[in-house]
Amino acid sequence: MSTALVPVIGYDKAAAISKKAFAEGKTVREVALAEKVLPDDEVNRILDASVRGEA
């Protein structure tokens, strides 16, 4: 899931989110929303599109 964020926030930030999510037993979405890397609606739009196979 974090790969869907790469074009928007960059590889390093997306990788850090993924690593933190794994370490804390949270989802990428939960960490991205908590970290406020993008507005909530944009995070949800990007990750929802990824789940639907549109990204």
Protein backbone atom coordinates (compact mmCIF):
# COMPACT_ATOMS: atom_id res chain seq x y z
CA MET A 1 0.00 0.00 0.00
CA SER A 2 2.77 2.46 0.76
CA THR A 3 3.96 2.29 -2.84
CA ALA A 4 0.82 4.18 -3.87
CA LEU A 5 2.08 7.14 -1.85
CA VAL A 6 5.55 7.20 -3.46
CA PRO A 7 4.69 9.43 -6.45
CA VAL A 8 3.19 12.02 -4.10
CA ILE A 9 5.39 11.99 -0.96
CA GLY A 10 8.54 10.30 -2.23
CA TYR A 11 10.18 6.97 -1.58
CA ASP A 12 11.88 7.86 1.71
CA LYS A 13 8.73 9.10 3.43
CA ALA A 14 6.64 6.22 2.11
CA ALA A 15 9.24 3.70 3.28
CA ALA A 16 9.36 5.30 6.73
CA ILE A 17 5.57 5.08 6.99
CA SER A 18 5.62 1.44 5.94
CA LYS A 19 8.38 0.59 8.43
CA LYS A 20 6.59 2.38 11.27
CA ALA A 21 3.29 0.68 10.43
CA PHE A 22 4.94 -2.73 10.54
CA ALA A 23 6.80 -2.00 13.78
CA GLU A 24 3.68 -0.71 15.54
CA GLY A 25 1.21 -3.22 14.12
CA LYS A 26 -0.78 -0.49 12.40
CA THR A 27 -1.92 0.00 8.84
CA VAL A 28 -0.16 2.29 6.38
CA ARG A 29 -3.33 4.37 6.31
CA GLU A 30 -3.36 4.77 10.11
CA VAL A 31 0.25 5.93 10.20
CA ALA A 32 -0.06 8.22 7.17
CA LEU A 33 -3.13 9.89 8.67
CA ALA A 34 -1.50 10.23 12.10
CA GLU A 35 1.69 11.68 10.58
CA LYS A 36 -0.31 14.20 8.52
CA VAL A 37 1.89 13.66 5.46
CA LEU A 38 -1.01 14.83 3.30
CA PRO A 39 -4.54 16.03 3.99
CA ASP A 40 -6.72 13.15 5.20
CA ASP A 41 -8.93 13.19 2.11
CA GLU A 42 -5.92 12.91 -0.20
CA VAL A 43 -4.40 10.00 1.76
CA ASN A 44 -7.74 8.21 1.62
CA ARG A 45 -8.22 8.94 -2.10
CA ILE A 46 -4.75 7.62 -3.00
CA LEU A 47 -4.96 4.50 -0.84
CA ASP A 48 -8.57 3.74 -1.85
CA ALA A 49 -7.57 3.96 -5.52
CA SER A 50 -4.67 1.60 -4.82
CA VAL A 51 -6.96 -0.97 -3.21
CA ARG A 52 -9.35 -0.77 -6.17
CA GLY A 53 -6.44 -1.23 -8.56
CA GLU A 54 -6.74 2.24 -10.04
CA ALA A 55 -3.33 3.52 -8.97
